[in-house]
Amino acid sequence: MPNKITLNIDKAIYTEGEYVKIKLDYESLTPKIAMHLVVLDPSEKEMFSEDQYINSQKGSYSNVLRFDTKQWKISGRYKVAAWDQEGTRKEVFFQFKSKTL
């Protein structure tokens, strides 16, 4: 049985200045695995990435990102992807709308 990853965000459309809440639940066959999380803009450019080392076989991890004008400039469809070192992968998508076009 492969590892299980569930990836959720709190809504489907965000605008500049808002926060996105990312929650990752996992079930692993072995403890002490590395979990990778990335957010890609519509052109597939990496906007955020983080590695999380997990010491248990089941649990959750969450993070909150703020959409500010320094980093989040492109309106469109963004991808949030998470995967572990064994290759189990999950993706979710959201729309981002910039206040300045």
N, C-alpha and C. Protein backbone atom coordinates (compact mmCIF):
# COMPACT_ATOMS: atom_id res chain seq x y z
N MET A 1 0.84 -1.19 0.00
CA MET A 1 0.00 0.00 0.00
C MET A 1 0.89 1.25 0.00
N PRO A 2 0.67 2.17 -0.96
CA PRO A 2 1.49 3.38 -1.00
C PRO A 2 1.10 4.38 0.09
N ASN A 3 1.95 5.36 0.29
CA ASN A 3 1.65 6.43 1.23
C ASN A 3 0.44 7.22 0.73
N LYS A 4 -0.25 7.88 1.65
CA LYS A 4 -1.44 8.65 1.30
C LYS A 4 -1.21 10.11 1.68
N ILE A 5 -1.49 11.02 0.73
CA ILE A 5 -1.38 12.45 0.97
C ILE A 5 -2.72 13.10 0.62
N THR A 6 -3.22 13.95 1.51
CA THR A 6 -4.40 14.76 1.24
C THR A 6 -3.98 16.21 1.36
N LEU A 7 -4.25 17.00 0.33
CA LEU A 7 -3.83 18.39 0.27
C LEU A 7 -5.06 19.26 0.10
N ASN A 8 -5.23 20.27 0.96
CA ASN A 8 -6.39 21.14 0.91
C ASN A 8 -5.99 22.60 1.04
N ILE A 9 -6.77 23.47 0.37
CA ILE A 9 -6.66 24.91 0.57
C ILE A 9 -8.05 25.39 0.99
N ASP A 10 -8.13 26.58 1.61
CA ASP A 10 -9.39 26.98 2.21
C ASP A 10 -10.42 27.56 1.24
N LYS A 11 -10.01 27.97 0.02
CA LYS A 11 -10.98 28.39 -0.98
C LYS A 11 -10.36 28.33 -2.38
N ALA A 12 -11.16 28.56 -3.40
CA ALA A 12 -10.70 28.36 -4.77
C ALA A 12 -10.18 29.63 -5.44
N ILE A 13 -10.58 30.82 -4.96
CA ILE A 13 -10.17 32.08 -5.56
C ILE A 13 -9.66 33.02 -4.48
N TYR A 14 -8.48 33.62 -4.73
CA TYR A 14 -7.87 34.56 -3.79
C TYR A 14 -7.57 35.86 -4.53
N THR A 15 -7.54 36.97 -3.77
CA THR A 15 -7.11 38.24 -4.32
C THR A 15 -5.93 38.76 -3.52
N GLU A 16 -5.21 39.69 -4.10
CA GLU A 16 -4.03 40.27 -3.48
C GLU A 16 -4.35 40.77 -2.06
N GLY A 17 -3.47 40.47 -1.11
CA GLY A 17 -3.66 40.87 0.27
C GLY A 17 -4.29 39.79 1.14
N GLU A 18 -4.86 38.77 0.52
CA GLU A 18 -5.47 37.68 1.29
C GLU A 18 -4.42 36.65 1.70
N TYR A 19 -4.84 35.72 2.53
CA TYR A 19 -4.00 34.62 3.00
C TYR A 19 -4.55 33.31 2.45
N VAL A 20 -3.66 32.42 2.03
CA VAL A 20 -4.07 31.07 1.63
C VAL A 20 -3.65 30.13 2.76
N LYS A 21 -4.56 29.29 3.18
CA LYS A 21 -4.27 28.30 4.21
C LYS A 21 -4.12 26.94 3.55
N ILE A 22 -2.94 26.38 3.65
CA ILE A 22 -2.64 25.08 3.05
C ILE A 22 -2.56 24.05 4.15
N LYS A 23 -3.28 22.94 3.99
CA LYS A 23 -3.23 21.86 4.98
C LYS A 23 -2.90 20.56 4.27
N LEU A 24 -1.95 19.85 4.84
CA LEU A 24 -1.49 18.59 4.27
C LEU A 24 -1.66 17.50 5.34
N ASP A 25 -2.42 16.47 5.01
CA ASP A 25 -2.56 15.30 5.88
C ASP A 25 -1.83 14.15 5.21
N TYR A 26 -1.20 13.30 6.01
CA TYR A 26 -0.44 12.21 5.43
C TYR A 26 -0.55 10.95 6.27
N GLU A 27 -0.41 9.85 5.57
CA GLU A 27 -0.26 8.54 6.19
C GLU A 27 0.90 7.87 5.48
N SER A 28 1.90 7.49 6.23
CA SER A 28 3.11 6.91 5.65
C SER A 28 3.33 5.51 6.20
N LEU A 29 3.93 4.67 5.39
CA LEU A 29 4.27 3.32 5.85
C LEU A 29 5.47 3.35 6.79
N THR A 30 6.33 4.34 6.61
CA THR A 30 7.52 4.45 7.45
C THR A 30 7.63 5.86 8.03
N PRO A 31 8.05 5.99 9.27
CA PRO A 31 8.28 7.33 9.83
C PRO A 31 9.57 7.92 9.25
N LYS A 32 9.82 9.16 9.57
CA LYS A 32 11.03 9.87 9.18
C LYS A 32 11.17 9.98 7.65
N ILE A 33 10.15 10.55 7.03
CA ILE A 33 10.22 10.82 5.60
C ILE A 33 10.24 12.33 5.36
N ALA A 34 10.70 12.72 4.19
CA ALA A 34 10.70 14.13 3.81
C ALA A 34 9.48 14.41 2.94
N MET A 35 8.77 15.47 3.27
CA MET A 35 7.61 15.91 2.50
C MET A 35 7.98 17.25 1.85
N HIS A 36 7.68 17.40 0.57
CA HIS A 36 8.00 18.62 -0.17
C HIS A 36 6.70 19.32 -0.55
N LEU A 37 6.68 20.63 -0.41
CA LEU A 37 5.51 21.43 -0.76
C LEU A 37 5.96 22.60 -1.63
N VAL A 38 5.29 22.81 -2.77
CA VAL A 38 5.61 23.93 -3.65
C VAL A 38 4.33 24.62 -4.12
N VAL A 39 4.45 25.90 -4.43
CA VAL A 39 3.39 26.66 -5.08
C VAL A 39 3.98 27.21 -6.37
N LEU A 40 3.32 26.92 -7.50
CA LEU A 40 3.79 27.35 -8.81
C LEU A 40 2.81 28.34 -9.41
N ASP A 41 3.36 29.42 -10.02
CA ASP A 41 2.49 30.40 -10.66
C ASP A 41 2.00 29.87 -12.01
N PRO A 42 1.16 30.63 -12.73
CA PRO A 42 0.61 30.13 -14.00
C PRO A 42 1.67 29.75 -15.04
N SER A 43 2.88 30.33 -14.95
CA SER A 43 3.94 29.97 -15.90
C SER A 43 4.83 28.85 -15.37
N GLU A 44 4.41 28.21 -14.27
CA GLU A 44 5.14 27.10 -13.62
C GLU A 44 6.40 27.57 -12.88
N LYS A 45 6.52 28.88 -12.61
CA LYS A 45 7.63 29.40 -11.82
C LYS A 45 7.34 29.13 -10.34
N GLU A 46 8.35 28.68 -9.63
CA GLU A 46 8.18 28.36 -8.21
C GLU A 46 8.08 29.65 -7.40
N MET A 47 6.95 29.80 -6.69
CA MET A 47 6.73 30.99 -5.87
C MET A 47 7.02 30.72 -4.39
N PHE A 48 6.91 29.46 -4.00
CA PHE A 48 7.14 29.07 -2.60
C PHE A 48 7.51 27.61 -2.59
N SER A 49 8.45 27.26 -1.73
CA SER A 49 8.75 25.84 -1.54
C SER A 49 9.20 25.62 -0.11
N GLU A 50 8.94 24.43 0.36
CA GLU A 50 9.29 24.09 1.74
C GLU A 50 9.44 22.58 1.85
N ASP A 51 10.43 22.16 2.62
CA ASP A 51 10.60 20.75 2.94
C ASP A 51 10.24 20.56 4.40
N GLN A 52 9.50 19.52 4.67
CA GLN A 52 9.09 19.21 6.03
C GLN A 52 9.54 17.78 6.33
N TYR A 53 10.28 17.60 7.41
CA TYR A 53 10.70 16.26 7.81
C TYR A 53 9.72 15.73 8.84
N ILE A 54 9.17 14.58 8.55
CA ILE A 54 8.08 14.02 9.35
C ILE A 54 8.58 12.83 10.15
N ASN A 55 8.27 12.86 11.44
CA ASN A 55 8.76 11.83 12.35
C ASN A 55 7.70 10.80 12.72
N SER A 56 6.51 10.92 12.19
CA SER A 56 5.45 9.98 12.54
C SER A 56 4.85 9.38 11.27
N GLN A 57 4.08 8.33 11.45
CA GLN A 57 3.50 7.66 10.29
C GLN A 57 2.17 8.28 9.86
N LYS A 58 1.57 9.10 10.73
CA LYS A 58 0.30 9.74 10.39
C LYS A 58 0.24 11.09 11.08
N GLY A 59 -0.27 12.08 10.38
CA GLY A 59 -0.37 13.39 10.99
C GLY A 59 -0.75 14.44 9.97
N SER A 60 -0.53 15.70 10.34
CA SER A 60 -0.85 16.79 9.43
C SER A 60 0.15 17.92 9.60
N TYR A 61 0.19 18.76 8.60
CA TYR A 61 1.07 19.91 8.55
C TYR A 61 0.28 21.04 7.90
N SER A 62 0.46 22.25 8.35
CA SER A 62 -0.23 23.37 7.71
C SER A 62 0.68 24.58 7.63
N ASN A 63 0.35 25.48 6.70
CA ASN A 63 1.09 26.71 6.52
C ASN A 63 0.12 27.76 6.00
N VAL A 64 0.41 29.03 6.29
CA VAL A 64 -0.39 30.14 5.80
C VAL A 64 0.53 31.06 5.01
N LEU A 65 0.15 31.37 3.77
CA LEU A 65 0.91 32.27 2.92
C LEU A 65 0.09 33.52 2.66
N ARG A 66 0.75 34.68 2.69
CA ARG A 66 0.06 35.94 2.40
C ARG A 66 0.40 36.38 0.98
N PHE A 67 -0.62 36.77 0.24
CA PHE A 67 -0.43 37.28 -1.11
C PHE A 67 -0.12 38.77 -1.00
N ASP A 68 1.14 39.13 -1.21
CA ASP A 68 1.50 40.53 -1.22
C ASP A 68 2.09 40.90 -2.58
N THR A 69 2.27 42.19 -2.81
CA THR A 69 2.68 42.65 -4.13
C THR A 69 4.14 42.35 -4.45
N LYS A 70 4.95 42.04 -3.48
CA LYS A 70 6.36 41.75 -3.74
C LYS A 70 6.54 40.44 -4.50
N GLN A 71 5.77 39.44 -4.16
CA GLN A 71 5.99 38.12 -4.71
C GLN A 71 4.86 37.66 -5.65
N TRP A 72 3.65 37.97 -5.32
CA TRP A 72 2.50 37.45 -6.06
C TRP A 72 1.99 38.53 -7.00
N LYS A 73 2.39 38.49 -8.26
CA LYS A 73 2.04 39.55 -9.20
C LYS A 73 1.19 39.08 -10.37
N ILE A 74 1.20 37.81 -10.67
CA ILE A 74 0.55 37.30 -11.87
C ILE A 74 -0.82 36.73 -11.53
N SER A 75 -1.85 37.26 -12.18
CA SER A 75 -3.19 36.69 -12.04
C SER A 75 -3.25 35.40 -12.83
N GLY A 76 -4.04 34.44 -12.37
CA GLY A 76 -4.21 33.19 -13.10
C GLY A 76 -4.32 32.00 -12.19
N ARG A 77 -4.09 30.84 -12.78
CA ARG A 77 -4.26 29.55 -12.09
C ARG A 77 -2.93 29.10 -11.49
N TYR A 78 -2.92 28.92 -10.19
CA TYR A 78 -1.73 28.48 -9.46
C TYR A 78 -1.88 27.02 -9.06
N LYS A 79 -0.75 26.35 -8.94
CA LYS A 79 -0.74 24.95 -8.53
C LYS A 79 -0.04 24.81 -7.19
N VAL A 80 -0.64 24.05 -6.27
CA VAL A 80 -0.01 23.67 -5.01
C VAL A 80 0.24 22.17 -5.12
N ALA A 81 1.49 21.76 -4.95
CA ALA A 81 1.84 20.35 -5.08
C ALA A 81 2.61 19.90 -3.84
N ALA A 82 2.34 18.68 -3.42
CA ALA A 82 3.06 18.08 -2.30
C ALA A 82 3.42 16.66 -2.68
N TRP A 83 4.62 16.23 -2.29
CA TRP A 83 5.03 14.85 -2.55
C TRP A 83 6.05 14.43 -1.50
N ASP A 84 6.16 13.12 -1.34
CA ASP A 84 7.14 12.58 -0.39
C ASP A 84 8.31 11.97 -1.15
N GLN A 85 9.30 11.53 -0.42
CA GLN A 85 10.52 11.00 -1.04
C GLN A 85 10.29 9.68 -1.75
N GLU A 86 9.15 9.05 -1.50
CA GLU A 86 8.84 7.79 -2.17
C GLU A 86 8.02 8.00 -3.45
N GLY A 87 7.70 9.27 -3.77
CA GLY A 87 7.02 9.56 -5.03
C GLY A 87 5.52 9.73 -4.97
N THR A 88 4.90 9.59 -3.80
CA THR A 88 3.46 9.85 -3.69
C THR A 88 3.24 11.34 -3.83
N ARG A 89 2.31 11.74 -4.71
CA ARG A 89 2.13 13.16 -5.04
C ARG A 89 0.65 13.53 -5.04
N LYS A 90 0.38 14.78 -4.64
CA LYS A 90 -0.98 15.33 -4.68
C LYS A 90 -0.89 16.78 -5.13
N GLU A 91 -1.87 17.22 -5.95
CA GLU A 91 -1.90 18.59 -6.45
C GLU A 91 -3.29 19.18 -6.29
N VAL A 92 -3.35 20.48 -5.99
CA VAL A 92 -4.61 21.23 -5.99
C VAL A 92 -4.33 22.56 -6.69
N PHE A 93 -5.39 23.21 -7.16
CA PHE A 93 -5.24 24.45 -7.92
C PHE A 93 -6.13 25.54 -7.33
N PHE A 94 -5.71 26.80 -7.52
CA PHE A 94 -6.54 27.93 -7.14
C PHE A 94 -6.32 29.08 -8.13
N GLN A 95 -7.27 30.00 -8.17
CA GLN A 95 -7.16 31.20 -8.99
C GLN A 95 -6.70 32.36 -8.11
N PHE A 96 -5.80 33.19 -8.65
CA PHE A 96 -5.32 34.38 -7.95
C PHE A 96 -5.63 35.59 -8.82
N LYS A 97 -6.18 36.63 -8.19
CA LYS A 97 -6.51 37.87 -8.92
C LYS A 97 -5.72 39.02 -8.30
N SER A 98 -4.84 39.60 -9.09
CA SER A 98 -4.05 40.75 -8.65
C SER A 98 -4.93 42.00 -8.69
N LYS A 99 -4.71 42.95 -7.77
CA LYS A 99 -5.47 44.19 -7.78
C LYS A 99 -4.98 45.12 -8.88
N THR A 100 -3.71 45.00 -9.25
CA THR A 100 -3.15 45.82 -10.33
C THR A 100 -2.92 44.94 -11.55
N LEU A 101 -3.42 45.32 -12.67
CA LEU A 101 -3.30 44.50 -13.87
C LEU A 101 -2.16 44.93 -14.73
